[in-house]
N, C-alpha and C. Protein backbone atom coordinates (compact mmCIF):
# COMPACT_ATOMS: atom_id res chain seq x y z
N MET A 1 -159.14 -13.28 49.43
CA MET A 1 -159.86 -13.91 50.53
C MET A 1 -161.09 -13.07 50.86
N ALA A 2 -162.21 -13.73 51.05
CA ALA A 2 -163.47 -13.04 51.33
C ALA A 2 -163.53 -12.64 52.80
N LYS A 3 -164.06 -11.45 53.03
CA LYS A 3 -164.27 -10.99 54.40
C LYS A 3 -165.54 -11.58 54.93
N LYS A 4 -165.71 -11.52 56.24
CA LYS A 4 -166.92 -12.07 56.87
C LYS A 4 -168.16 -11.39 56.27
N GLY A 5 -169.12 -12.21 55.88
CA GLY A 5 -170.35 -11.70 55.32
C GLY A 5 -170.33 -11.57 53.81
N GLU A 6 -169.13 -11.68 53.20
CA GLU A 6 -169.03 -11.62 51.75
C GLU A 6 -169.09 -13.03 51.17
N ILE A 7 -169.53 -13.12 49.96
CA ILE A 7 -169.61 -14.41 49.28
C ILE A 7 -168.33 -14.62 48.50
N ASN A 8 -167.73 -15.79 48.65
CA ASN A 8 -166.54 -16.15 47.89
C ASN A 8 -166.99 -16.87 46.63
N LEU A 9 -167.06 -16.13 45.52
CA LEU A 9 -167.56 -16.70 44.27
C LEU A 9 -166.69 -17.82 43.76
N ASP A 10 -165.38 -17.75 43.95
CA ASP A 10 -164.49 -18.82 43.48
C ASP A 10 -164.81 -20.14 44.18
N ALA A 11 -165.04 -20.08 45.49
CA ALA A 11 -165.37 -21.30 46.25
C ALA A 11 -166.74 -21.83 45.83
N ASP A 12 -167.72 -20.93 45.64
CA ASP A 12 -169.05 -21.36 45.21
C ASP A 12 -169.01 -22.00 43.84
N MET A 13 -168.23 -21.43 42.93
CA MET A 13 -168.12 -21.99 41.58
C MET A 13 -167.43 -23.35 41.61
N ALA A 14 -166.46 -23.52 42.49
CA ALA A 14 -165.77 -24.81 42.61
C ALA A 14 -166.74 -25.87 43.12
N LEU A 15 -167.59 -25.50 44.09
CA LEU A 15 -168.59 -26.45 44.61
C LEU A 15 -169.58 -26.82 43.51
N GLU A 16 -170.01 -25.84 42.71
CA GLU A 16 -170.94 -26.13 41.63
C GLU A 16 -170.33 -27.05 40.60
N SER A 17 -169.05 -26.86 40.27
CA SER A 17 -168.42 -27.72 39.27
C SER A 17 -168.27 -29.13 39.79
N GLU A 18 -168.03 -29.31 41.10
CA GLU A 18 -167.98 -30.65 41.68
C GLU A 18 -169.34 -31.33 41.54
N ASP A 19 -170.42 -30.57 41.77
CA ASP A 19 -171.77 -31.12 41.63
C ASP A 19 -172.05 -31.52 40.19
N MET A 20 -171.55 -30.75 39.25
CA MET A 20 -171.84 -31.01 37.84
C MET A 20 -171.25 -32.34 37.37
N ASN A 21 -170.04 -32.72 37.88
CA ASN A 21 -169.45 -33.97 37.42
C ASN A 21 -169.98 -35.17 38.20
N GLY A 22 -170.78 -34.95 39.22
CA GLY A 22 -171.47 -36.03 39.91
C GLY A 22 -170.62 -36.85 40.87
N SER A 23 -169.42 -36.35 41.18
CA SER A 23 -168.53 -37.16 42.02
C SER A 23 -168.81 -37.01 43.51
N GLU A 24 -169.44 -35.92 43.90
CA GLU A 24 -169.67 -35.68 45.32
C GLU A 24 -171.02 -36.25 45.76
N ALA A 25 -170.99 -37.11 46.76
CA ALA A 25 -172.23 -37.68 47.29
C ALA A 25 -172.90 -36.66 48.21
N ARG A 26 -174.22 -36.61 48.13
CA ARG A 26 -175.02 -35.74 48.98
C ARG A 26 -176.11 -36.58 49.62
N VAL A 27 -176.72 -36.03 50.66
CA VAL A 27 -177.82 -36.71 51.32
C VAL A 27 -179.12 -36.05 50.87
N TYR A 28 -180.09 -36.89 50.49
CA TYR A 28 -181.39 -36.43 50.02
C TYR A 28 -182.48 -37.13 50.83
N GLU A 29 -183.63 -36.51 50.87
CA GLU A 29 -184.81 -37.14 51.49
C GLU A 29 -185.93 -37.14 50.46
N LEU A 30 -186.40 -38.34 50.15
CA LEU A 30 -187.49 -38.52 49.19
C LEU A 30 -188.74 -38.82 50.00
N GLY A 31 -189.70 -37.91 49.97
CA GLY A 31 -190.99 -38.10 50.64
C GLY A 31 -192.05 -38.32 49.58
N PHE A 32 -192.92 -39.30 49.77
CA PHE A 32 -193.91 -39.57 48.73
C PHE A 32 -195.21 -40.11 49.29
N HIS A 33 -196.28 -39.86 48.53
CA HIS A 33 -197.62 -40.35 48.85
C HIS A 33 -197.95 -41.45 47.86
N LEU A 34 -198.30 -42.63 48.38
CA LEU A 34 -198.78 -43.73 47.55
C LEU A 34 -200.30 -43.71 47.55
N ASP A 35 -200.90 -44.21 46.49
CA ASP A 35 -202.35 -44.28 46.33
C ASP A 35 -202.99 -44.87 47.59
N GLY A 36 -203.88 -44.11 48.21
CA GLY A 36 -204.54 -44.53 49.45
C GLY A 36 -205.56 -45.64 49.26
N GLU A 37 -205.95 -45.94 48.02
CA GLU A 37 -206.91 -47.01 47.76
C GLU A 37 -206.22 -48.36 47.58
N LEU A 38 -204.89 -48.36 47.59
CA LEU A 38 -204.16 -49.63 47.49
C LEU A 38 -204.36 -50.44 48.77
N PRO A 39 -204.39 -51.77 48.67
CA PRO A 39 -204.37 -52.58 49.89
C PRO A 39 -203.02 -52.35 50.61
N GLN A 40 -203.01 -52.52 51.90
CA GLN A 40 -201.81 -52.31 52.72
C GLN A 40 -200.61 -53.08 52.15
N GLU A 41 -200.82 -54.33 51.74
CA GLU A 41 -199.73 -55.16 51.22
C GLU A 41 -199.16 -54.57 49.92
N GLU A 42 -200.04 -54.05 49.07
CA GLU A 42 -199.61 -53.46 47.80
C GLU A 42 -198.82 -52.17 48.03
N ALA A 43 -199.25 -51.37 49.00
CA ALA A 43 -198.52 -50.15 49.34
C ALA A 43 -197.13 -50.50 49.87
N LYS A 44 -197.07 -51.53 50.69
CA LYS A 44 -195.78 -51.99 51.22
C LYS A 44 -194.86 -52.46 50.09
N LYS A 45 -195.44 -53.18 49.09
CA LYS A 45 -194.66 -53.65 47.94
C LYS A 45 -194.11 -52.48 47.14
N ALA A 46 -194.94 -51.48 46.90
CA ALA A 46 -194.51 -50.30 46.14
C ALA A 46 -193.37 -49.59 46.87
N TYR A 47 -193.51 -49.47 48.19
CA TYR A 47 -192.47 -48.85 49.01
C TYR A 47 -191.17 -49.66 48.93
N GLU A 48 -191.28 -50.97 49.08
CA GLU A 48 -190.10 -51.84 49.05
C GLU A 48 -189.40 -51.78 47.69
N THR A 49 -190.18 -51.71 46.61
CA THR A 49 -189.61 -51.62 45.26
C THR A 49 -188.77 -50.36 45.12
N LEU A 50 -189.31 -49.22 45.57
CA LEU A 50 -188.57 -47.97 45.48
C LEU A 50 -187.37 -47.99 46.43
N LYS A 51 -187.53 -48.59 47.59
CA LYS A 51 -186.43 -48.70 48.55
C LYS A 51 -185.28 -49.51 47.97
N GLU A 52 -185.60 -50.60 47.24
CA GLU A 52 -184.56 -51.41 46.59
C GLU A 52 -183.82 -50.59 45.54
N THR A 53 -184.54 -49.77 44.79
CA THR A 53 -183.91 -48.90 43.80
C THR A 53 -182.96 -47.91 44.47
N VAL A 54 -183.41 -47.35 45.58
CA VAL A 54 -182.56 -46.41 46.33
C VAL A 54 -181.32 -47.13 46.83
N ALA A 55 -181.47 -48.31 47.41
CA ALA A 55 -180.35 -49.07 47.95
C ALA A 55 -179.36 -49.46 46.84
N LYS A 56 -179.88 -49.74 45.65
CA LYS A 56 -179.03 -50.12 44.52
C LYS A 56 -178.23 -48.92 44.01
N ASN A 57 -178.81 -47.73 44.12
CA ASN A 57 -178.17 -46.53 43.59
C ASN A 57 -177.55 -45.63 44.64
N GLY A 58 -177.66 -45.96 45.89
CA GLY A 58 -177.11 -45.12 46.94
C GLY A 58 -177.08 -45.86 48.26
N THR A 59 -176.97 -45.12 49.35
CA THR A 59 -176.93 -45.69 50.69
C THR A 59 -178.10 -45.12 51.49
N ILE A 60 -178.93 -45.99 52.04
CA ILE A 60 -180.07 -45.54 52.84
C ILE A 60 -179.57 -45.05 54.20
N VAL A 61 -180.01 -43.87 54.58
CA VAL A 61 -179.62 -43.26 55.85
C VAL A 61 -180.70 -43.47 56.89
N ALA A 62 -181.96 -43.27 56.51
CA ALA A 62 -183.11 -43.42 57.41
C ALA A 62 -184.34 -43.62 56.54
N GLU A 63 -185.44 -44.09 57.16
CA GLU A 63 -186.65 -44.34 56.38
C GLU A 63 -187.88 -44.28 57.26
N GLY A 64 -188.99 -44.07 56.62
CA GLY A 64 -190.30 -44.09 57.27
C GLY A 64 -191.23 -44.95 56.43
N THR A 65 -191.66 -46.06 56.98
CA THR A 65 -192.49 -47.02 56.24
C THR A 65 -193.89 -46.45 56.00
N PRO A 66 -194.64 -47.03 55.06
CA PRO A 66 -195.96 -46.49 54.70
C PRO A 66 -196.93 -46.42 55.87
N GLU A 67 -197.54 -45.26 56.02
CA GLU A 67 -198.59 -45.04 57.02
C GLU A 67 -199.75 -44.35 56.33
N LYS A 68 -200.93 -44.92 56.47
CA LYS A 68 -202.10 -44.32 55.82
C LYS A 68 -202.52 -43.07 56.58
N ILE A 69 -202.72 -41.99 55.83
CA ILE A 69 -203.11 -40.71 56.43
C ILE A 69 -204.22 -40.08 55.60
N GLN A 70 -205.01 -39.23 56.25
CA GLN A 70 -205.97 -38.40 55.54
C GLN A 70 -205.19 -37.19 55.03
N LEU A 71 -205.38 -36.82 53.80
CA LEU A 71 -204.69 -35.68 53.24
C LEU A 71 -205.36 -34.38 53.70
N ALA A 72 -204.58 -33.34 53.85
CA ALA A 72 -205.11 -32.05 54.29
C ALA A 72 -206.00 -31.42 53.22
N TYR A 73 -205.76 -31.79 51.98
CA TYR A 73 -206.58 -31.31 50.87
C TYR A 73 -206.61 -32.39 49.80
N THR A 74 -207.58 -32.31 48.92
CA THR A 74 -207.71 -33.29 47.85
C THR A 74 -206.63 -33.07 46.81
N MET A 75 -205.92 -34.14 46.46
CA MET A 75 -204.93 -34.09 45.38
C MET A 75 -205.57 -34.72 44.15
N SER A 76 -205.32 -34.14 43.00
CA SER A 76 -205.88 -34.66 41.76
C SER A 76 -204.75 -34.99 40.80
N ARG A 77 -205.03 -35.98 39.96
CA ARG A 77 -204.06 -36.38 38.94
C ARG A 77 -204.82 -36.79 37.69
N MET A 78 -204.31 -36.39 36.55
CA MET A 78 -204.92 -36.81 35.29
C MET A 78 -204.39 -38.19 34.93
N GLU A 79 -205.31 -39.09 34.63
CA GLU A 79 -204.96 -40.43 34.19
C GLU A 79 -205.60 -40.65 32.83
N THR A 80 -205.32 -41.78 32.22
CA THR A 80 -205.87 -42.06 30.89
C THR A 80 -207.40 -42.10 30.91
N THR A 81 -207.98 -42.47 32.04
CA THR A 81 -209.44 -42.56 32.16
C THR A 81 -210.08 -41.25 32.60
N GLY A 82 -209.26 -40.23 32.89
CA GLY A 82 -209.78 -38.94 33.34
C GLY A 82 -209.14 -38.53 34.65
N ARG A 83 -209.68 -37.49 35.26
CA ARG A 83 -209.14 -36.97 36.51
C ARG A 83 -209.46 -37.91 37.66
N ARG A 84 -208.48 -38.09 38.55
CA ARG A 84 -208.69 -38.93 39.72
C ARG A 84 -208.33 -38.12 40.96
N ASP A 85 -209.22 -38.12 41.96
CA ASP A 85 -209.01 -37.38 43.20
C ASP A 85 -208.57 -38.32 44.31
N PHE A 86 -207.70 -37.82 45.18
CA PHE A 86 -207.20 -38.58 46.31
C PHE A 86 -207.43 -37.78 47.60
N ASN A 87 -208.07 -38.40 48.58
CA ASN A 87 -208.30 -37.76 49.88
C ASN A 87 -207.49 -38.44 50.99
N ALA A 88 -206.94 -39.60 50.69
CA ALA A 88 -206.10 -40.34 51.64
C ALA A 88 -204.93 -40.91 50.86
N ALA A 89 -203.84 -41.19 51.56
CA ALA A 89 -202.66 -41.75 50.92
C ALA A 89 -201.81 -42.46 51.96
N PHE A 90 -200.90 -43.27 51.48
CA PHE A 90 -199.88 -43.86 52.34
C PHE A 90 -198.66 -42.95 52.23
N PHE A 91 -198.24 -42.37 53.35
CA PHE A 91 -197.07 -41.49 53.33
C PHE A 91 -195.85 -42.31 53.71
N CYS A 92 -194.77 -42.16 52.96
CA CYS A 92 -193.50 -42.84 53.21
C CYS A 92 -192.36 -41.87 52.92
N TRP A 93 -191.19 -42.18 53.43
CA TRP A 93 -190.02 -41.38 53.11
C TRP A 93 -188.77 -42.22 53.24
N ILE A 94 -187.76 -41.84 52.47
CA ILE A 94 -186.47 -42.51 52.49
C ILE A 94 -185.39 -41.44 52.39
N ALA A 95 -184.49 -41.41 53.35
CA ALA A 95 -183.32 -40.52 53.28
C ALA A 95 -182.16 -41.36 52.78
N TYR A 96 -181.41 -40.83 51.83
CA TYR A 96 -180.34 -41.61 51.23
C TYR A 96 -179.18 -40.70 50.81
N GLU A 97 -178.03 -41.34 50.65
CA GLU A 97 -176.84 -40.64 50.17
C GLU A 97 -176.53 -41.16 48.78
N ALA A 98 -176.32 -40.23 47.83
CA ALA A 98 -176.05 -40.62 46.45
C ALA A 98 -175.32 -39.50 45.73
N ASP A 99 -174.60 -39.87 44.67
CA ASP A 99 -173.99 -38.83 43.84
C ASP A 99 -175.03 -38.38 42.81
N THR A 100 -174.66 -37.44 41.97
CA THR A 100 -175.62 -36.84 41.03
C THR A 100 -176.23 -37.86 40.07
N THR A 101 -175.42 -38.76 39.54
CA THR A 101 -175.92 -39.76 38.60
C THR A 101 -176.88 -40.72 39.29
N GLN A 102 -176.51 -41.18 40.48
CA GLN A 102 -177.37 -42.09 41.24
C GLN A 102 -178.68 -41.39 41.62
N HIS A 103 -178.57 -40.13 42.00
CA HIS A 103 -179.74 -39.34 42.38
C HIS A 103 -180.71 -39.25 41.21
N ALA A 104 -180.19 -39.01 40.02
CA ALA A 104 -181.03 -38.91 38.82
C ALA A 104 -181.76 -40.23 38.55
N ALA A 105 -181.09 -41.35 38.79
CA ALA A 105 -181.72 -42.67 38.59
C ALA A 105 -182.86 -42.89 39.59
N ILE A 106 -182.68 -42.44 40.81
CA ILE A 106 -183.71 -42.60 41.85
C ILE A 106 -184.92 -41.74 41.52
N ILE A 107 -184.69 -40.51 41.08
CA ILE A 107 -185.79 -39.62 40.72
C ILE A 107 -186.55 -40.18 39.51
N ALA A 108 -185.82 -40.73 38.55
CA ALA A 108 -186.47 -41.34 37.38
C ALA A 108 -187.35 -42.51 37.80
N ALA A 109 -186.88 -43.31 38.76
CA ALA A 109 -187.67 -44.44 39.25
C ALA A 109 -188.93 -43.95 39.97
N ALA A 110 -188.82 -42.87 40.74
CA ALA A 110 -190.00 -42.31 41.43
C ALA A 110 -190.99 -41.76 40.41
N ASN A 111 -190.50 -41.12 39.37
CA ASN A 111 -191.38 -40.59 38.31
C ASN A 111 -192.10 -41.71 37.58
N ALA A 112 -191.44 -42.84 37.42
CA ALA A 112 -192.01 -43.96 36.66
C ALA A 112 -193.01 -44.77 37.47
N GLU A 113 -192.97 -44.68 38.79
CA GLU A 113 -193.85 -45.47 39.66
C GLU A 113 -195.25 -44.88 39.65
N LYS A 114 -196.18 -45.58 39.02
CA LYS A 114 -197.55 -45.08 38.84
C LYS A 114 -198.36 -45.09 40.14
N ARG A 115 -197.93 -45.84 41.14
CA ARG A 115 -198.67 -45.87 42.41
C ARG A 115 -198.35 -44.67 43.30
N ILE A 116 -197.33 -43.89 42.92
CA ILE A 116 -197.00 -42.66 43.66
C ILE A 116 -197.88 -41.53 43.13
N ILE A 117 -198.60 -40.89 44.05
CA ILE A 117 -199.45 -39.75 43.68
C ILE A 117 -198.58 -38.51 43.48
N ARG A 118 -197.70 -38.26 44.45
CA ARG A 118 -196.86 -37.07 44.43
C ARG A 118 -195.63 -37.36 45.28
N PHE A 119 -194.49 -36.75 44.92
CA PHE A 119 -193.30 -36.89 45.73
C PHE A 119 -192.51 -35.60 45.74
N ILE A 120 -191.62 -35.51 46.73
CA ILE A 120 -190.71 -34.38 46.83
C ILE A 120 -189.35 -34.95 47.23
N ASP A 121 -188.31 -34.40 46.67
CA ASP A 121 -186.95 -34.84 46.96
C ASP A 121 -186.14 -33.62 47.35
N LEU A 122 -185.58 -33.63 48.56
CA LEU A 122 -184.88 -32.47 49.10
C LEU A 122 -183.46 -32.84 49.52
N LYS A 123 -182.56 -31.87 49.47
CA LYS A 123 -181.24 -32.06 50.05
C LYS A 123 -181.38 -31.94 51.56
N THR A 124 -180.66 -32.77 52.29
CA THR A 124 -180.69 -32.72 53.75
C THR A 124 -179.31 -33.13 54.26
N THR A 125 -179.23 -33.46 55.54
CA THR A 125 -178.00 -33.98 56.13
C THR A 125 -178.31 -35.30 56.80
N LYS A 126 -177.27 -36.08 57.06
CA LYS A 126 -177.48 -37.36 57.75
C LYS A 126 -178.09 -37.13 59.13
N GLU A 127 -177.59 -36.11 59.81
CA GLU A 127 -178.07 -35.83 61.17
C GLU A 127 -179.56 -35.46 61.16
N ALA A 128 -179.97 -34.62 60.22
CA ALA A 128 -181.37 -34.22 60.14
C ALA A 128 -182.26 -35.41 59.79
N ALA A 129 -181.79 -36.28 58.90
CA ALA A 129 -182.57 -37.46 58.51
C ALA A 129 -182.71 -38.42 59.68
N GLN A 130 -181.63 -38.63 60.41
CA GLN A 130 -181.69 -39.54 61.57
C GLN A 130 -182.56 -38.95 62.68
N HIS A 131 -182.50 -37.63 62.85
CA HIS A 131 -183.36 -36.98 63.84
C HIS A 131 -184.83 -37.14 63.45
N ALA A 132 -185.13 -36.98 62.17
CA ALA A 132 -186.51 -37.15 61.69
C ALA A 132 -187.00 -38.57 61.96
N ALA A 133 -186.14 -39.56 61.77
CA ALA A 133 -186.51 -40.95 62.04
C ALA A 133 -186.79 -41.16 63.53
N GLU A 134 -185.95 -40.57 64.38
CA GLU A 134 -186.16 -40.68 65.82
C GLU A 134 -187.47 -40.02 66.25
N MET A 135 -187.75 -38.84 65.71
CA MET A 135 -188.99 -38.14 66.05
C MET A 135 -190.21 -38.89 65.53
N HIS A 136 -190.10 -39.45 64.34
CA HIS A 136 -191.20 -40.24 63.78
C HIS A 136 -191.51 -41.42 64.70
N GLU A 137 -190.49 -42.09 65.18
CA GLU A 137 -190.69 -43.24 66.07
C GLU A 137 -191.28 -42.78 67.41
N PHE A 138 -190.80 -41.64 67.92
CA PHE A 138 -191.31 -41.10 69.18
C PHE A 138 -192.81 -40.81 69.08
N TYR A 139 -193.23 -40.12 68.00
CA TYR A 139 -194.64 -39.78 67.83
C TYR A 139 -195.50 -41.01 67.55
N ARG A 140 -194.91 -42.00 66.88
CA ARG A 140 -195.65 -43.23 66.59
C ARG A 140 -195.99 -43.98 67.88
N GLN A 141 -195.12 -43.88 68.88
CA GLN A 141 -195.33 -44.60 70.13
C GLN A 141 -196.23 -43.85 71.11
N MET A 142 -196.54 -42.60 70.83
CA MET A 142 -197.40 -41.82 71.72
C MET A 142 -198.82 -42.35 71.64
N PRO A 143 -199.56 -42.33 72.76
CA PRO A 143 -200.95 -42.80 72.72
C PRO A 143 -201.81 -41.85 71.89
N GLU A 144 -202.86 -42.43 71.32
CA GLU A 144 -203.80 -41.63 70.54
C GLU A 144 -204.46 -40.61 71.45
N PRO A 145 -204.70 -39.40 70.95
CA PRO A 145 -205.36 -38.39 71.78
C PRO A 145 -206.80 -38.81 72.09
N SER A 146 -207.26 -38.41 73.25
CA SER A 146 -208.62 -38.72 73.68
C SER A 146 -209.62 -38.02 72.77
N THR A 147 -210.75 -38.69 72.53
CA THR A 147 -211.79 -38.06 71.71
C THR A 147 -212.53 -37.00 72.51
N ASP A 148 -212.55 -37.14 73.84
CA ASP A 148 -213.18 -36.15 74.71
C ASP A 148 -212.09 -35.20 75.19
N GLU A 149 -211.92 -34.08 74.49
CA GLU A 149 -210.84 -33.15 74.79
C GLU A 149 -211.01 -32.45 76.13
N ASP A 150 -212.23 -32.32 76.62
CA ASP A 150 -212.47 -31.61 77.87
C ASP A 150 -212.19 -32.47 79.10
N ALA A 151 -212.23 -33.78 78.99
CA ALA A 151 -212.09 -34.66 80.15
C ALA A 151 -210.79 -34.45 80.92
N PRO A 152 -209.61 -34.45 80.28
CA PRO A 152 -208.38 -34.25 81.06
C PRO A 152 -208.33 -32.87 81.71
N ALA A 153 -208.77 -31.84 81.00
CA ALA A 153 -208.74 -30.49 81.56
C ALA A 153 -209.67 -30.38 82.77
N GLU A 154 -210.85 -30.99 82.68
CA GLU A 154 -211.78 -30.95 83.81
C GLU A 154 -211.23 -31.70 85.01
N ALA A 155 -210.60 -32.84 84.79
CA ALA A 155 -210.03 -33.62 85.89
C ALA A 155 -208.90 -32.83 86.56
N GLU A 156 -208.06 -32.17 85.77
CA GLU A 156 -206.98 -31.37 86.33
C GLU A 156 -207.53 -30.18 87.10
N LEU A 157 -208.58 -29.55 86.58
CA LEU A 157 -209.20 -28.42 87.26
C LEU A 157 -209.82 -28.85 88.58
N ASP A 158 -210.54 -29.99 88.59
CA ASP A 158 -211.14 -30.50 89.82
C ASP A 158 -210.07 -30.79 90.86
N ALA A 159 -208.94 -31.40 90.45
CA ALA A 159 -207.86 -31.70 91.38
C ALA A 159 -207.26 -30.43 91.95
N ALA A 160 -207.07 -29.41 91.11
CA ALA A 160 -206.51 -28.14 91.57
C ALA A 160 -207.45 -27.44 92.54
N LEU A 161 -208.76 -27.51 92.26
CA LEU A 161 -209.74 -26.88 93.17
C LEU A 161 -209.78 -27.59 94.51
N LYS A 162 -209.72 -28.92 94.52
CA LYS A 162 -209.69 -29.67 95.78
C LYS A 162 -208.47 -29.32 96.58
N GLU A 163 -207.34 -29.20 95.91
CA GLU A 163 -206.08 -28.87 96.58
C GLU A 163 -206.15 -27.48 97.20
N ALA A 164 -206.87 -26.58 96.54
CA ALA A 164 -207.02 -25.21 97.04
C ALA A 164 -208.07 -25.11 98.14
N GLY A 165 -208.79 -26.20 98.36
CA GLY A 165 -209.79 -26.21 99.41
C GLY A 165 -211.14 -25.73 98.98
N VAL A 166 -211.39 -25.63 97.71
CA VAL A 166 -212.69 -25.22 97.20
C VAL A 166 -213.54 -26.44 96.96
N ALA A 167 -214.81 -26.38 97.40
CA ALA A 167 -215.71 -27.51 97.20
C ALA A 167 -216.05 -27.64 95.73
N VAL A 168 -216.02 -28.90 95.27
CA VAL A 168 -216.31 -29.15 93.86
C VAL A 168 -217.68 -29.71 93.71
């Protein structure tokens, strides 16, 4: 028996062997960028196609539909016609539960989808995926920030000065 702070190699090896035979389902989150030059309807179709593949091979836990965003940096990809640069993309994500074989099929489908610029697939938990969906919805409902960043601060300062009895 392992003491606190020690690693139990027998238990770790047993977990690895369970993973190798593909019988244990895990939760994954697939985040991906779709080509930003696609029409909105085409981006939605690409997302739905991958979502159907995920649903066929696993169980969807949470999702984030395509949203067009400006990329923090230019992403490049080599295509048959040469290098192509992307400055905007549709960001989407799908959290799902699948065993090893199903997971491999989903990753193969993401690799084969030419409208995906880049993707990442991570292990997660159902709770973390559902929390991410809740936070995504919360931020989506927030009002857009004001373009005049000084206006709210000035109004609050004026109100505080009036309250303190200072002439504005």
